[in-house]
């Protein structure tokens, strides 16, 4: 009986840790994407001659940022 209780409580604790780690990694991934990779991708697209695609992407990201900041 104690083994069952220990197993259940261990699964609960490690389940909560797993959920916390997924949330933390998602937050870090969002920061890296917006601060590092998005500007790099837009600059690379501009140098590669894809300005017609880079400008709409930049406008969409800018509008989303303003909408999120307003909420």
C-alpha atoms as a PDB file:
ATOM      1  CA  UNK A   1       0.000   0.000   0.000  1.00  0.00           C
ATOM      2  CA  UNK A   2       2.829   2.387   0.829  1.00  0.00           C
ATOM      3  CA  UNK A   3       4.491   1.508  -2.459  1.00  0.00           C
ATOM      4  CA  UNK A   4       1.347   2.478  -4.359  1.00  0.00           C
ATOM      5  CA  UNK A   5       1.059   5.751  -2.447  1.00  0.00           C
ATOM      6  CA  UNK A   6       4.742   6.507  -3.075  1.00  0.00           C
ATOM      7  CA  UNK A   7       4.362   5.760  -6.799  1.00  0.00           C
ATOM      8  CA  UNK A   8       1.293   7.942  -7.183  1.00  0.00           C
ATOM      9  CA  UNK A   9       2.836  10.870  -5.324  1.00  0.00           C
ATOM     10  CA  UNK A  10       6.088  10.500  -7.278  1.00  0.00           C
ATOM     11  CA  UNK A  11       4.169  10.630 -10.562  1.00  0.00           C
ATOM     12  CA  UNK A  12       2.327  13.746  -9.393  1.00  0.00           C
ATOM     13  CA  UNK A  13       5.527  15.543  -8.410  1.00  0.00           C
ATOM     14  CA  UNK A  14       7.429  14.613 -11.566  1.00  0.00           C
ATOM     15  CA  UNK A  15       4.364  15.368 -13.678  1.00  0.00           C
ATOM     16  CA  UNK A  16       4.285  18.889 -12.279  1.00  0.00           C
ATOM     17  CA  UNK A  17       8.019  19.238 -12.915  1.00  0.00           C
ATOM     18  CA  UNK A  18       7.516  18.070 -16.489  1.00  0.00           C
ATOM     19  CA  UNK A  19       4.762  20.628 -17.063  1.00  0.00           C
ATOM     20  CA  UNK A  20       6.934  23.370 -15.570  1.00  0.00           C
ATOM     21  CA  UNK A  21       9.895  22.403 -17.768  1.00  0.00           C
ATOM     22  CA  UNK A  22       7.753  22.445 -20.918  1.00  0.00           C
ATOM     23  CA  UNK A  23       6.425  25.909 -20.042  1.00  0.00           C
ATOM     24  CA  UNK A  24       9.943  27.189 -19.333  1.00  0.00           C
ATOM     25  CA  UNK A  25      11.371  25.802 -22.556  1.00  0.00           C
ATOM     26  CA  UNK A  26       8.475  27.267 -24.546  1.00  0.00           C
ATOM     27  CA  UNK A  27       9.167  30.687 -23.025  1.00  0.00           C
ATOM     28  CA  UNK A  28      12.872  30.458 -23.822  1.00  0.00           C
ATOM     29  CA  UNK A  29      12.108  29.354 -27.387  1.00  0.00           C
ATOM     30  CA  UNK A  30       9.764  32.316 -27.915  1.00  0.00           C
ATOM     31  CA  UNK A  31      12.391  34.761 -26.656  1.00  0.00           C
ATOM     32  CA  UNK A  32      15.095  33.257 -28.857  1.00  0.00           C
ATOM     33  CA  UNK A  33      12.818  33.286 -31.890  1.00  0.00           C
ATOM     34  CA  UNK A  34      11.739  36.899 -31.526  1.00  0.00           C
ATOM     35  CA  UNK A  35      15.050  38.404 -30.398  1.00  0.00           C
ATOM     36  CA  UNK A  36      17.603  36.373 -32.359  1.00  0.00           C
ATOM     37  CA  UNK A  37      16.182  34.376 -35.232  1.00  0.00           C
ATOM     38  CA  UNK A  38      13.445  36.634 -36.632  1.00  0.00           C
ATOM     39  CA  UNK A  39      15.725  39.645 -37.270  1.00  0.00           C
ATOM     40  CA  UNK A  40      18.397  37.333 -38.692  1.00  0.00           C
ATOM     41  CA  UNK A  41      15.878  35.699 -41.033  1.00  0.00           C
ATOM     42  CA  UNK A  42      14.527  39.066 -42.176  1.00  0.00           C
ATOM     43  CA  UNK A  43      18.030  40.421 -42.862  1.00  0.00           C
ATOM     44  CA  UNK A  44      18.960  37.251 -44.737  1.00  0.00           C
ATOM     45  CA  UNK A  45      15.785  37.519 -46.818  1.00  0.00           C
ATOM     46  CA  UNK A  46      16.572  41.149 -47.649  1.00  0.00           C
ATOM     47  CA  UNK A  47      20.136  40.279 -48.740  1.00  0.00           C
ATOM     48  CA  UNK A  48      18.876  37.335 -50.791  1.00  0.00           C
ATOM     49  CA  UNK A  49      16.543  39.590 -52.760  1.00  0.00           C
ATOM     50  CA  UNK A  50      13.338  38.454 -51.108  1.00  0.00           C
ATOM     51  CA  UNK A  51      12.308  41.942 -50.017  1.00  0.00           C
ATOM     52  CA  UNK A  52       8.811  41.364 -51.404  1.00  0.00           C
ATOM     53  CA  UNK A  53       8.408  38.558 -48.872  1.00  0.00           C
ATOM     54  CA  UNK A  54      10.371  40.127 -46.020  1.00  0.00           C
ATOM     55  CA  UNK A  55       8.265  43.303 -45.837  1.00  0.00           C
ATOM     56  CA  UNK A  56       4.885  41.552 -45.385  1.00  0.00           C
ATOM     57  CA  UNK A  57       6.412  39.279 -42.736  1.00  0.00           C
ATOM     58  CA  UNK A  58       7.765  42.345 -40.942  1.00  0.00           C
ATOM     59  CA  UNK A  59       4.383  44.092 -41.165  1.00  0.00           C
ATOM     60  CA  UNK A  60       2.496  41.054 -39.841  1.00  0.00           C
ATOM     61  CA  UNK A  61       4.895  40.660 -36.915  1.00  0.00           C
ATOM     62  CA  UNK A  62       4.684  44.398 -36.172  1.00  0.00           C
ATOM     63  CA  UNK A  63       0.876  44.415 -36.180  1.00  0.00           C
ATOM     64  CA  UNK A  64       0.782  41.327 -33.941  1.00  0.00           C
ATOM     65  CA  UNK A  65       3.193  43.015 -31.548  1.00  0.00           C
ATOM     66  CA  UNK A  66       1.112  46.176 -31.350  1.00  0.00           C
ATOM     67  CA  UNK A  67      -2.099  44.220 -30.822  1.00  0.00           C
ATOM     68  CA  UNK A  68      -0.519  42.118 -28.089  1.00  0.00           C
ATOM     69  CA  UNK A  69       0.896  45.228 -26.392  1.00  0.00           C
ATOM     70  CA  UNK A  70      -2.520  46.899 -26.454  1.00  0.00           C
ATOM     71  CA  UNK A  71      -4.161  43.969 -24.682  1.00  0.00           C
END
